[in-house]
ModelCIF file with pLDDT and N, C-alpha, C, O atoms, coordinates in Angstrom:
data_MODEL
#
_entry.id   MODEL 
#
_entity.id                         1 
_entity.type                       polymer 
_entity.pdbx_number_of_molecules   1 
#
_entity_poly.entity_id                      1 
_entity_poly.type                           'polypeptide(L)' 
_entity_poly.nstd_linkage                   no 
_entity_poly.nstd_monomer                   no 
_entity_poly.pdbx_seq_one_letter_code       
;(UNK)(UNK)(UNK)(UNK)(UNK)(UNK)(UNK)(UNK)(UNK)(UNK)(UNK)(UNK)(UNK)(UNK)(UNK)(UNK)
(UNK)(UNK)(UNK)(UNK)(UNK)(UNK)(UNK)(UNK)(UNK)(UNK)(UNK)(UNK)(UNK)(UNK)(UNK)(UNK)
(UNK)(UNK)(UNK)(UNK)(UNK)(UNK)(UNK)(UNK)(UNK)(UNK)(UNK)(UNK)(UNK)(UNK)
;
_entity_poly.pdbx_seq_one_letter_code_can   XXXXXXXXXXXXXXXXXXXXXXXXXXXXXXXXXXXXXXXXXXXXXX 
_entity_poly.pdbx_strand_id                 A 
#
loop_
_entity_poly_seq.entity_id 
_entity_poly_seq.num 
_entity_poly_seq.mon_id 
_entity_poly_seq.hetero 
1 1  UNK n 
1 2  UNK n 
1 3  UNK n 
1 4  UNK n 
1 5  UNK n 
1 6  UNK n 
1 7  UNK n 
1 8  UNK n 
1 9  UNK n 
1 10 UNK n 
1 11 UNK n 
1 12 UNK n 
1 13 UNK n 
1 14 UNK n 
1 15 UNK n 
1 16 UNK n 
1 17 UNK n 
1 18 UNK n 
1 19 UNK n 
1 20 UNK n 
1 21 UNK n 
1 22 UNK n 
1 23 UNK n 
1 24 UNK n 
1 25 UNK n 
1 26 UNK n 
1 27 UNK n 
1 28 UNK n 
1 29 UNK n 
1 30 UNK n 
1 31 UNK n 
1 32 UNK n 
1 33 UNK n 
1 34 UNK n 
1 35 UNK n 
1 36 UNK n 
1 37 UNK n 
1 38 UNK n 
1 39 UNK n 
1 40 UNK n 
1 41 UNK n 
1 42 UNK n 
1 43 UNK n 
1 44 UNK n 
1 45 UNK n 
1 46 UNK n 
#
_struct_asym.id          A 
_struct_asym.entity_id   1 
#
loop_
_ma_qa_metric.id 
_ma_qa_metric.mode 
_ma_qa_metric.name 
_ma_qa_metric.software_group_id 
_ma_qa_metric.type 
1 global pLDDT . pLDDT 
2 local  pLDDT . pLDDT 
#
_ma_qa_metric_global.metric_id      1 
_ma_qa_metric_global.metric_value   79.78 
_ma_qa_metric_global.model_id       1 
_ma_qa_metric_global.ordinal_id     1 
#
loop_
_ma_qa_metric_local.label_asym_id 
_ma_qa_metric_local.label_comp_id 
_ma_qa_metric_local.label_seq_id 
_ma_qa_metric_local.metric_id 
_ma_qa_metric_local.metric_value 
_ma_qa_metric_local.model_id 
_ma_qa_metric_local.ordinal_id 
A UNK 1  2 96.00 1 1  
A UNK 2  2 97.00 1 2  
A UNK 3  2 97.00 1 3  
A UNK 4  2 96.00 1 4  
A UNK 5  2 97.00 1 5  
A UNK 6  2 94.00 1 6  
A UNK 7  2 95.00 1 7  
A UNK 8  2 92.00 1 8  
A UNK 9  2 90.00 1 9  
A UNK 10 2 89.00 1 10 
A UNK 11 2 89.00 1 11 
A UNK 12 2 82.00 1 12 
A UNK 13 2 73.00 1 13 
A UNK 14 2 64.00 1 14 
A UNK 15 2 61.00 1 15 
A UNK 16 2 62.00 1 16 
A UNK 17 2 63.00 1 17 
A UNK 18 2 64.00 1 18 
A UNK 19 2 61.00 1 19 
A UNK 20 2 59.00 1 20 
A UNK 21 2 49.00 1 21 
A UNK 22 2 56.00 1 22 
A UNK 23 2 55.00 1 23 
A UNK 24 2 62.00 1 24 
A UNK 25 2 66.00 1 25 
A UNK 26 2 74.00 1 26 
A UNK 27 2 81.00 1 27 
A UNK 28 2 86.00 1 28 
A UNK 29 2 86.00 1 29 
A UNK 30 2 86.00 1 30 
A UNK 31 2 87.00 1 31 
A UNK 32 2 89.00 1 32 
A UNK 33 2 87.00 1 33 
A UNK 34 2 85.00 1 34 
A UNK 35 2 83.00 1 35 
A UNK 36 2 78.00 1 36 
A UNK 37 2 77.00 1 37 
A UNK 38 2 72.00 1 38 
A UNK 39 2 72.00 1 39 
A UNK 40 2 77.00 1 40 
A UNK 41 2 83.00 1 41 
A UNK 42 2 86.00 1 42 
A UNK 43 2 90.00 1 43 
A UNK 44 2 92.00 1 44 
A UNK 45 2 95.00 1 45 
A UNK 46 2 95.00 1 46 
#
loop_
_atom_site.group_PDB 
_atom_site.id 
_atom_site.type_symbol 
_atom_site.label_atom_id 
_atom_site.label_alt_id 
_atom_site.label_comp_id 
_atom_site.label_asym_id 
_atom_site.label_entity_id 
_atom_site.label_seq_id 
_atom_site.pdbx_PDB_ins_code 
_atom_site.Cartn_x 
_atom_site.Cartn_y 
_atom_site.Cartn_z 
_atom_site.occupancy 
_atom_site.B_iso_or_equiv 
_atom_site.pdbx_formal_charge 
_atom_site.auth_seq_id 
_atom_site.auth_comp_id 
_atom_site.auth_asym_id 
_atom_site.auth_atom_id 
_atom_site.pdbx_PDB_model_num 
ATOM 1   N N  . UNK A 1 1  ? 110.808 -70.244 -169.924 1.00 96.00 ? 1  UNK A N  1 
ATOM 2   C CA . UNK A 1 1  ? 109.717 -70.535 -170.631 1.00 96.00 ? 1  UNK A CA 1 
ATOM 3   C C  . UNK A 1 1  ? 109.876 -69.613 -172.023 1.00 96.00 ? 1  UNK A C  1 
ATOM 4   O O  . UNK A 1 1  ? 109.239 -69.935 -173.026 1.00 96.00 ? 1  UNK A O  1 
ATOM 5   N N  . UNK A 1 2  ? 110.544 -68.736 -172.025 1.00 97.00 ? 2  UNK A N  1 
ATOM 6   C CA . UNK A 1 2  ? 110.766 -67.743 -173.144 1.00 97.00 ? 2  UNK A CA 1 
ATOM 7   C C  . UNK A 1 2  ? 112.021 -68.826 -174.131 1.00 97.00 ? 2  UNK A C  1 
ATOM 8   O O  . UNK A 1 2  ? 111.866 -68.994 -175.341 1.00 97.00 ? 2  UNK A O  1 
ATOM 9   N N  . UNK A 1 3  ? 113.211 -69.465 -173.348 1.00 97.00 ? 3  UNK A N  1 
ATOM 10  C CA . UNK A 1 3  ? 113.663 -70.037 -174.184 1.00 97.00 ? 3  UNK A CA 1 
ATOM 11  C C  . UNK A 1 3  ? 113.287 -71.092 -174.821 1.00 97.00 ? 3  UNK A C  1 
ATOM 12  O O  . UNK A 1 3  ? 113.952 -71.491 -175.778 1.00 97.00 ? 3  UNK A O  1 
ATOM 13  N N  . UNK A 1 4  ? 112.151 -71.739 -174.408 1.00 96.00 ? 4  UNK A N  1 
ATOM 14  C CA . UNK A 1 4  ? 111.755 -72.970 -175.179 1.00 96.00 ? 4  UNK A CA 1 
ATOM 15  C C  . UNK A 1 4  ? 110.845 -72.618 -176.338 1.00 96.00 ? 4  UNK A C  1 
ATOM 16  O O  . UNK A 1 4  ? 110.618 -73.441 -177.224 1.00 96.00 ? 4  UNK A O  1 
ATOM 17  N N  . UNK A 1 5  ? 110.313 -71.378 -176.338 1.00 97.00 ? 5  UNK A N  1 
ATOM 18  C CA . UNK A 1 5  ? 109.533 -71.003 -177.442 1.00 97.00 ? 5  UNK A CA 1 
ATOM 19  C C  . UNK A 1 5  ? 110.021 -70.644 -178.796 1.00 97.00 ? 5  UNK A C  1 
ATOM 20  O O  . UNK A 1 5  ? 110.479 -69.502 -178.822 1.00 97.00 ? 5  UNK A O  1 
ATOM 21  N N  . UNK A 1 6  ? 110.073 -71.447 -180.241 1.00 94.00 ? 6  UNK A N  1 
ATOM 22  C CA . UNK A 1 6  ? 110.093 -70.640 -181.350 1.00 94.00 ? 6  UNK A CA 1 
ATOM 23  C C  . UNK A 1 6  ? 109.022 -69.401 -181.823 1.00 94.00 ? 6  UNK A C  1 
ATOM 24  O O  . UNK A 1 6  ? 107.802 -69.530 -181.927 1.00 94.00 ? 6  UNK A O  1 
ATOM 25  N N  . UNK A 1 7  ? 109.587 -68.520 -182.008 1.00 95.00 ? 7  UNK A N  1 
ATOM 26  C CA . UNK A 1 7  ? 108.640 -67.355 -182.306 1.00 95.00 ? 7  UNK A CA 1 
ATOM 27  C C  . UNK A 1 7  ? 109.053 -67.285 -183.939 1.00 95.00 ? 7  UNK A C  1 
ATOM 28  O O  . UNK A 1 7  ? 110.153 -67.397 -184.480 1.00 95.00 ? 7  UNK A O  1 
ATOM 29  N N  . UNK A 1 8  ? 107.851 -67.078 -184.438 1.00 92.00 ? 8  UNK A N  1 
ATOM 30  C CA . UNK A 1 8  ? 107.903 -66.368 -185.896 1.00 92.00 ? 8  UNK A CA 1 
ATOM 31  C C  . UNK A 1 8  ? 107.490 -65.042 -185.741 1.00 92.00 ? 8  UNK A C  1 
ATOM 32  O O  . UNK A 1 8  ? 106.440 -64.879 -185.119 1.00 92.00 ? 8  UNK A O  1 
ATOM 33  N N  . UNK A 1 9  ? 108.135 -63.958 -186.206 1.00 90.00 ? 9  UNK A N  1 
ATOM 34  C CA . UNK A 1 9  ? 107.643 -62.688 -186.137 1.00 90.00 ? 9  UNK A CA 1 
ATOM 35  C C  . UNK A 1 9  ? 107.201 -62.143 -187.290 1.00 90.00 ? 9  UNK A C  1 
ATOM 36  O O  . UNK A 1 9  ? 108.037 -61.780 -188.118 1.00 90.00 ? 9  UNK A O  1 
ATOM 37  N N  . UNK A 1 10 ? 105.900 -61.999 -187.530 1.00 89.00 ? 10 UNK A N  1 
ATOM 38  C CA . UNK A 1 10 ? 105.097 -61.210 -188.422 1.00 89.00 ? 10 UNK A CA 1 
ATOM 39  C C  . UNK A 1 10 ? 104.728 -59.964 -188.332 1.00 89.00 ? 10 UNK A C  1 
ATOM 40  O O  . UNK A 1 10 ? 104.212 -59.299 -189.229 1.00 89.00 ? 10 UNK A O  1 
ATOM 41  N N  . UNK A 1 11 ? 105.041 -59.547 -187.002 1.00 89.00 ? 11 UNK A N  1 
ATOM 42  C CA . UNK A 1 11 ? 104.534 -58.028 -186.723 1.00 89.00 ? 11 UNK A CA 1 
ATOM 43  C C  . UNK A 1 11 ? 105.246 -56.940 -187.348 1.00 89.00 ? 11 UNK A C  1 
ATOM 44  O O  . UNK A 1 11 ? 104.723 -55.987 -187.926 1.00 89.00 ? 11 UNK A O  1 
ATOM 45  N N  . UNK A 1 12 ? 106.341 -57.127 -187.207 1.00 82.00 ? 12 UNK A N  1 
ATOM 46  C CA . UNK A 1 12 ? 107.398 -56.270 -187.499 1.00 82.00 ? 12 UNK A CA 1 
ATOM 47  C C  . UNK A 1 12 ? 107.147 -55.806 -189.223 1.00 82.00 ? 12 UNK A C  1 
ATOM 48  O O  . UNK A 1 12 ? 107.106 -54.662 -189.675 1.00 82.00 ? 12 UNK A O  1 
ATOM 49  N N  . UNK A 1 13 ? 107.001 -57.131 -189.976 1.00 73.00 ? 13 UNK A N  1 
ATOM 50  C CA . UNK A 1 13 ? 107.185 -57.066 -191.319 1.00 73.00 ? 13 UNK A CA 1 
ATOM 51  C C  . UNK A 1 13 ? 106.093 -58.022 -192.048 1.00 73.00 ? 13 UNK A C  1 
ATOM 52  O O  . UNK A 1 13 ? 106.314 -59.129 -192.538 1.00 73.00 ? 13 UNK A O  1 
ATOM 53  N N  . UNK A 1 14 ? 105.317 -57.581 -192.016 1.00 64.00 ? 14 UNK A N  1 
ATOM 54  C CA . UNK A 1 14 ? 104.320 -58.947 -192.308 1.00 64.00 ? 14 UNK A CA 1 
ATOM 55  C C  . UNK A 1 14 ? 104.185 -59.201 -193.582 1.00 64.00 ? 14 UNK A C  1 
ATOM 56  O O  . UNK A 1 14 ? 103.794 -60.303 -193.969 1.00 64.00 ? 14 UNK A O  1 
ATOM 57  N N  . UNK A 1 15 ? 104.573 -57.950 -194.623 1.00 61.00 ? 15 UNK A N  1 
ATOM 58  C CA . UNK A 1 15 ? 104.351 -58.566 -195.934 1.00 61.00 ? 15 UNK A CA 1 
ATOM 59  C C  . UNK A 1 15 ? 105.939 -58.572 -196.578 1.00 61.00 ? 15 UNK A C  1 
ATOM 60  O O  . UNK A 1 15 ? 106.201 -58.359 -197.762 1.00 61.00 ? 15 UNK A O  1 
ATOM 61  N N  . UNK A 1 16 ? 106.822 -58.836 -195.615 1.00 62.00 ? 16 UNK A N  1 
ATOM 62  C CA . UNK A 1 16 ? 108.423 -59.020 -196.421 1.00 62.00 ? 16 UNK A CA 1 
ATOM 63  C C  . UNK A 1 16 ? 109.108 -58.337 -196.957 1.00 62.00 ? 16 UNK A C  1 
ATOM 64  O O  . UNK A 1 16 ? 109.940 -58.666 -197.803 1.00 62.00 ? 16 UNK A O  1 
ATOM 65  N N  . UNK A 1 17 ? 108.739 -56.607 -196.314 1.00 63.00 ? 17 UNK A N  1 
ATOM 66  C CA . UNK A 1 17 ? 109.298 -55.966 -197.531 1.00 63.00 ? 17 UNK A CA 1 
ATOM 67  C C  . UNK A 1 17 ? 110.845 -56.080 -197.309 1.00 63.00 ? 17 UNK A C  1 
ATOM 68  O O  . UNK A 1 17 ? 111.643 -56.157 -198.243 1.00 63.00 ? 17 UNK A O  1 
ATOM 69  N N  . UNK A 1 18 ? 111.189 -56.083 -196.000 1.00 64.00 ? 18 UNK A N  1 
ATOM 70  C CA . UNK A 1 18 ? 112.822 -56.018 -195.847 1.00 64.00 ? 18 UNK A CA 1 
ATOM 71  C C  . UNK A 1 18 ? 113.456 -57.264 -196.794 1.00 64.00 ? 18 UNK A C  1 
ATOM 72  O O  . UNK A 1 18 ? 114.571 -57.229 -197.314 1.00 64.00 ? 18 UNK A O  1 
ATOM 73  N N  . UNK A 1 19 ? 112.619 -58.223 -196.884 1.00 61.00 ? 19 UNK A N  1 
ATOM 74  C CA . UNK A 1 19 ? 113.507 -59.220 -197.776 1.00 61.00 ? 19 UNK A CA 1 
ATOM 75  C C  . UNK A 1 19 ? 114.146 -60.339 -196.634 1.00 61.00 ? 19 UNK A C  1 
ATOM 76  O O  . UNK A 1 19 ? 115.032 -61.090 -197.042 1.00 61.00 ? 19 UNK A O  1 
ATOM 77  N N  . UNK A 1 20 ? 113.761 -60.433 -195.411 1.00 59.00 ? 20 UNK A N  1 
ATOM 78  C CA . UNK A 1 20 ? 114.814 -61.263 -194.503 1.00 59.00 ? 20 UNK A CA 1 
ATOM 79  C C  . UNK A 1 20 ? 114.638 -62.486 -194.657 1.00 59.00 ? 20 UNK A C  1 
ATOM 80  O O  . UNK A 1 20 ? 113.630 -63.138 -194.930 1.00 59.00 ? 20 UNK A O  1 
ATOM 81  N N  . UNK A 1 21 ? 116.138 -62.885 -194.383 1.00 49.00 ? 21 UNK A N  1 
ATOM 82  C CA . UNK A 1 21 ? 116.439 -64.646 -194.843 1.00 49.00 ? 21 UNK A CA 1 
ATOM 83  C C  . UNK A 1 21 ? 115.305 -65.041 -193.980 1.00 49.00 ? 21 UNK A C  1 
ATOM 84  O O  . UNK A 1 21 ? 114.280 -65.398 -194.560 1.00 49.00 ? 21 UNK A O  1 
ATOM 85  N N  . UNK A 1 22 ? 115.320 -65.036 -192.811 1.00 56.00 ? 22 UNK A N  1 
ATOM 86  C CA . UNK A 1 22 ? 114.482 -65.730 -191.759 1.00 56.00 ? 22 UNK A CA 1 
ATOM 87  C C  . UNK A 1 22 ? 112.976 -65.971 -192.037 1.00 56.00 ? 22 UNK A C  1 
ATOM 88  O O  . UNK A 1 22 ? 112.408 -66.991 -191.648 1.00 56.00 ? 22 UNK A O  1 
ATOM 89  N N  . UNK A 1 23 ? 112.373 -65.012 -192.709 1.00 55.00 ? 23 UNK A N  1 
ATOM 90  C CA . UNK A 1 23 ? 111.144 -65.039 -193.539 1.00 55.00 ? 23 UNK A CA 1 
ATOM 91  C C  . UNK A 1 23 ? 110.682 -66.141 -194.129 1.00 55.00 ? 23 UNK A C  1 
ATOM 92  O O  . UNK A 1 23 ? 111.469 -66.608 -194.952 1.00 55.00 ? 23 UNK A O  1 
ATOM 93  N N  . UNK A 1 24 ? 109.440 -66.857 -193.964 1.00 62.00 ? 24 UNK A N  1 
ATOM 94  C CA . UNK A 1 24 ? 108.733 -67.877 -194.631 1.00 62.00 ? 24 UNK A CA 1 
ATOM 95  C C  . UNK A 1 24 ? 108.328 -67.369 -195.820 1.00 62.00 ? 24 UNK A C  1 
ATOM 96  O O  . UNK A 1 24 ? 107.873 -66.228 -195.735 1.00 62.00 ? 24 UNK A O  1 
ATOM 97  N N  . UNK A 1 25 ? 108.351 -67.895 -197.000 1.00 66.00 ? 25 UNK A N  1 
ATOM 98  C CA . UNK A 1 25 ? 107.965 -67.466 -198.039 1.00 66.00 ? 25 UNK A CA 1 
ATOM 99  C C  . UNK A 1 25 ? 106.469 -67.762 -198.066 1.00 66.00 ? 25 UNK A C  1 
ATOM 100 O O  . UNK A 1 25 ? 106.037 -68.860 -197.713 1.00 66.00 ? 25 UNK A O  1 
ATOM 101 N N  . UNK A 1 26 ? 105.596 -66.662 -198.536 1.00 74.00 ? 26 UNK A N  1 
ATOM 102 C CA . UNK A 1 26 ? 103.962 -66.659 -198.005 1.00 74.00 ? 26 UNK A CA 1 
ATOM 103 C C  . UNK A 1 26 ? 103.441 -66.313 -196.649 1.00 74.00 ? 26 UNK A C  1 
ATOM 104 O O  . UNK A 1 26 ? 102.289 -66.232 -196.223 1.00 74.00 ? 26 UNK A O  1 
ATOM 105 N N  . UNK A 1 27 ? 104.607 -66.132 -196.087 1.00 81.00 ? 27 UNK A N  1 
ATOM 106 C CA . UNK A 1 27 ? 103.861 -65.143 -194.567 1.00 81.00 ? 27 UNK A CA 1 
ATOM 107 C C  . UNK A 1 27 ? 103.627 -66.075 -193.901 1.00 81.00 ? 27 UNK A C  1 
ATOM 108 O O  . UNK A 1 27 ? 104.283 -67.115 -193.973 1.00 81.00 ? 27 UNK A O  1 
ATOM 109 N N  . UNK A 1 28 ? 102.459 -65.864 -192.967 1.00 86.00 ? 28 UNK A N  1 
ATOM 110 C CA . UNK A 1 28 ? 102.149 -66.766 -192.087 1.00 86.00 ? 28 UNK A CA 1 
ATOM 111 C C  . UNK A 1 28 ? 101.550 -67.751 -192.397 1.00 86.00 ? 28 UNK A C  1 
ATOM 112 O O  . UNK A 1 28 ? 101.585 -68.715 -191.632 1.00 86.00 ? 28 UNK A O  1 
ATOM 113 N N  . UNK A 1 29 ? 100.740 -67.826 -193.739 1.00 86.00 ? 29 UNK A N  1 
ATOM 114 C CA . UNK A 1 29 ? 100.100 -69.052 -194.307 1.00 86.00 ? 29 UNK A CA 1 
ATOM 115 C C  . UNK A 1 29 ? 101.244 -70.016 -194.859 1.00 86.00 ? 29 UNK A C  1 
ATOM 116 O O  . UNK A 1 29 ? 101.076 -71.233 -194.785 1.00 86.00 ? 29 UNK A O  1 
ATOM 117 N N  . UNK A 1 30 ? 102.468 -69.452 -195.442 1.00 86.00 ? 30 UNK A N  1 
ATOM 118 C CA . UNK A 1 30 ? 103.819 -70.141 -195.878 1.00 86.00 ? 30 UNK A CA 1 
ATOM 119 C C  . UNK A 1 30 ? 104.135 -70.903 -194.370 1.00 86.00 ? 30 UNK A C  1 
ATOM 120 O O  . UNK A 1 30 ? 104.289 -72.124 -194.404 1.00 86.00 ? 30 UNK A O  1 
ATOM 121 N N  . UNK A 1 31 ? 104.221 -70.290 -193.219 1.00 87.00 ? 31 UNK A N  1 
ATOM 122 C CA . UNK A 1 31 ? 104.564 -70.899 -192.049 1.00 87.00 ? 31 UNK A CA 1 
ATOM 123 C C  . UNK A 1 31 ? 103.818 -71.897 -191.785 1.00 87.00 ? 31 UNK A C  1 
ATOM 124 O O  . UNK A 1 31 ? 104.413 -72.953 -191.569 1.00 87.00 ? 31 UNK A O  1 
ATOM 125 N N  . UNK A 1 32 ? 102.516 -71.901 -191.724 1.00 89.00 ? 32 UNK A N  1 
ATOM 126 C CA . UNK A 1 32 ? 101.377 -72.748 -191.546 1.00 89.00 ? 32 UNK A CA 1 
ATOM 127 C C  . UNK A 1 32 ? 102.049 -74.221 -192.548 1.00 89.00 ? 32 UNK A C  1 
ATOM 128 O O  . UNK A 1 32 ? 102.558 -75.257 -192.120 1.00 89.00 ? 32 UNK A O  1 
ATOM 129 N N  . UNK A 1 33 ? 101.850 -73.878 -193.672 1.00 87.00 ? 33 UNK A N  1 
ATOM 130 C CA . UNK A 1 33 ? 102.141 -74.715 -194.789 1.00 87.00 ? 33 UNK A CA 1 
ATOM 131 C C  . UNK A 1 33 ? 103.168 -75.727 -194.505 1.00 87.00 ? 33 UNK A C  1 
ATOM 132 O O  . UNK A 1 33 ? 102.883 -76.916 -194.650 1.00 87.00 ? 33 UNK A O  1 
ATOM 133 N N  . UNK A 1 34 ? 104.781 -75.229 -193.965 1.00 85.00 ? 34 UNK A N  1 
ATOM 134 C CA . UNK A 1 34 ? 105.623 -75.504 -193.775 1.00 85.00 ? 34 UNK A CA 1 
ATOM 135 C C  . UNK A 1 34 ? 105.530 -76.712 -192.733 1.00 85.00 ? 34 UNK A C  1 
ATOM 136 O O  . UNK A 1 34 ? 106.110 -77.798 -192.753 1.00 85.00 ? 34 UNK A O  1 
ATOM 137 N N  . UNK A 1 35 ? 104.561 -76.149 -191.760 1.00 83.00 ? 35 UNK A N  1 
ATOM 138 C CA . UNK A 1 35 ? 104.386 -77.288 -190.535 1.00 83.00 ? 35 UNK A CA 1 
ATOM 139 C C  . UNK A 1 35 ? 103.666 -78.658 -190.889 1.00 83.00 ? 35 UNK A C  1 
ATOM 140 O O  . UNK A 1 35 ? 103.591 -79.658 -190.175 1.00 83.00 ? 35 UNK A O  1 
ATOM 141 N N  . UNK A 1 36 ? 103.168 -78.466 -192.133 1.00 78.00 ? 36 UNK A N  1 
ATOM 142 C CA . UNK A 1 36 ? 102.414 -79.417 -192.354 1.00 78.00 ? 36 UNK A CA 1 
ATOM 143 C C  . UNK A 1 36 ? 102.921 -80.780 -192.913 1.00 78.00 ? 36 UNK A C  1 
ATOM 144 O O  . UNK A 1 36 ? 102.340 -81.837 -193.163 1.00 78.00 ? 36 UNK A O  1 
ATOM 145 N N  . UNK A 1 37 ? 104.548 -80.267 -193.047 1.00 77.00 ? 37 UNK A N  1 
ATOM 146 C CA . UNK A 1 37 ? 105.477 -81.374 -193.722 1.00 77.00 ? 37 UNK A CA 1 
ATOM 147 C C  . UNK A 1 37 ? 106.391 -82.073 -192.475 1.00 77.00 ? 37 UNK A C  1 
ATOM 148 O O  . UNK A 1 37 ? 107.183 -82.983 -192.720 1.00 77.00 ? 37 UNK A O  1 
ATOM 149 N N  . UNK A 1 38 ? 106.196 -81.563 -191.175 1.00 72.00 ? 38 UNK A N  1 
ATOM 150 C CA . UNK A 1 38 ? 106.987 -82.229 -190.146 1.00 72.00 ? 38 UNK A CA 1 
ATOM 151 C C  . UNK A 1 38 ? 106.860 -83.593 -190.019 1.00 72.00 ? 38 UNK A C  1 
ATOM 152 O O  . UNK A 1 38 ? 105.714 -84.007 -190.189 1.00 72.00 ? 38 UNK A O  1 
ATOM 153 N N  . UNK A 1 39 ? 107.605 -84.313 -189.799 1.00 72.00 ? 39 UNK A N  1 
ATOM 154 C CA . UNK A 1 39 ? 107.755 -85.878 -189.087 1.00 72.00 ? 39 UNK A CA 1 
ATOM 155 C C  . UNK A 1 39 ? 108.170 -86.143 -187.902 1.00 72.00 ? 39 UNK A C  1 
ATOM 156 O O  . UNK A 1 39 ? 108.550 -87.265 -187.568 1.00 72.00 ? 39 UNK A O  1 
ATOM 157 N N  . UNK A 1 40 ? 108.134 -84.877 -186.946 1.00 77.00 ? 40 UNK A N  1 
ATOM 158 C CA . UNK A 1 40 ? 108.739 -85.152 -185.645 1.00 77.00 ? 40 UNK A CA 1 
ATOM 159 C C  . UNK A 1 40 ? 107.606 -85.836 -184.561 1.00 77.00 ? 40 UNK A C  1 
ATOM 160 O O  . UNK A 1 40 ? 106.520 -85.359 -184.234 1.00 77.00 ? 40 UNK A O  1 
ATOM 161 N N  . UNK A 1 41 ? 108.127 -86.906 -184.192 1.00 83.00 ? 41 UNK A N  1 
ATOM 162 C CA . UNK A 1 41 ? 107.100 -87.855 -183.317 1.00 83.00 ? 41 UNK A CA 1 
ATOM 163 C C  . UNK A 1 41 ? 106.824 -86.648 -181.835 1.00 83.00 ? 41 UNK A C  1 
ATOM 164 O O  . UNK A 1 41 ? 105.808 -86.705 -181.142 1.00 83.00 ? 41 UNK A O  1 
ATOM 165 N N  . UNK A 1 42 ? 107.748 -85.821 -181.646 1.00 86.00 ? 42 UNK A N  1 
ATOM 166 C CA . UNK A 1 42 ? 107.348 -84.811 -180.532 1.00 86.00 ? 42 UNK A CA 1 
ATOM 167 C C  . UNK A 1 42 ? 106.089 -84.029 -180.525 1.00 86.00 ? 42 UNK A C  1 
ATOM 168 O O  . UNK A 1 42 ? 105.866 -83.325 -181.509 1.00 86.00 ? 42 UNK A O  1 
ATOM 169 N N  . UNK A 1 43 ? 105.233 -84.055 -179.545 1.00 90.00 ? 43 UNK A N  1 
ATOM 170 C CA . UNK A 1 43 ? 103.903 -83.013 -179.970 1.00 90.00 ? 43 UNK A CA 1 
ATOM 171 C C  . UNK A 1 43 ? 104.250 -82.163 -179.875 1.00 90.00 ? 43 UNK A C  1 
ATOM 172 O O  . UNK A 1 43 ? 105.137 -81.892 -179.065 1.00 90.00 ? 43 UNK A O  1 
ATOM 173 N N  . UNK A 1 44 ? 103.603 -81.165 -180.823 1.00 92.00 ? 44 UNK A N  1 
ATOM 174 C CA . UNK A 1 44 ? 103.749 -79.724 -181.073 1.00 92.00 ? 44 UNK A CA 1 
ATOM 175 C C  . UNK A 1 44 ? 102.353 -78.717 -180.681 1.00 92.00 ? 44 UNK A C  1 
ATOM 176 O O  . UNK A 1 44 ? 101.175 -79.019 -180.868 1.00 92.00 ? 44 UNK A O  1 
ATOM 177 N N  . UNK A 1 45 ? 102.815 -77.620 -180.168 1.00 95.00 ? 45 UNK A N  1 
ATOM 178 C CA . UNK A 1 45 ? 101.945 -76.836 -180.023 1.00 95.00 ? 45 UNK A CA 1 
ATOM 179 C C  . UNK A 1 45 ? 101.997 -75.478 -181.038 1.00 95.00 ? 45 UNK A C  1 
ATOM 180 O O  . UNK A 1 45 ? 103.087 -74.914 -181.132 1.00 95.00 ? 45 UNK A O  1 
ATOM 181 N N  . UNK A 1 46 ? 100.902 -74.968 -181.764 1.00 95.00 ? 46 UNK A N  1 
ATOM 182 C CA . UNK A 1 46 ? 101.156 -73.878 -182.513 1.00 95.00 ? 46 UNK A CA 1 
ATOM 183 C C  . UNK A 1 46 ? 100.401 -72.824 -182.250 1.00 95.00 ? 46 UNK A C  1 
ATOM 184 O O  . UNK A 1 46 ? 100.557 -71.779 -182.882 1.00 95.00 ? 46 UNK A O  1 
#
């Protein structure tokens, strides 16, 4: 199960103070907005 999950960690650094490359611009809201642009036919659970 764990190998199938795509985890976006906003717990350790919610404001992106560390400026990590994997962080979404705009934090969790930015991540949600990025998911609005998907075109994949596979069902998705968020």
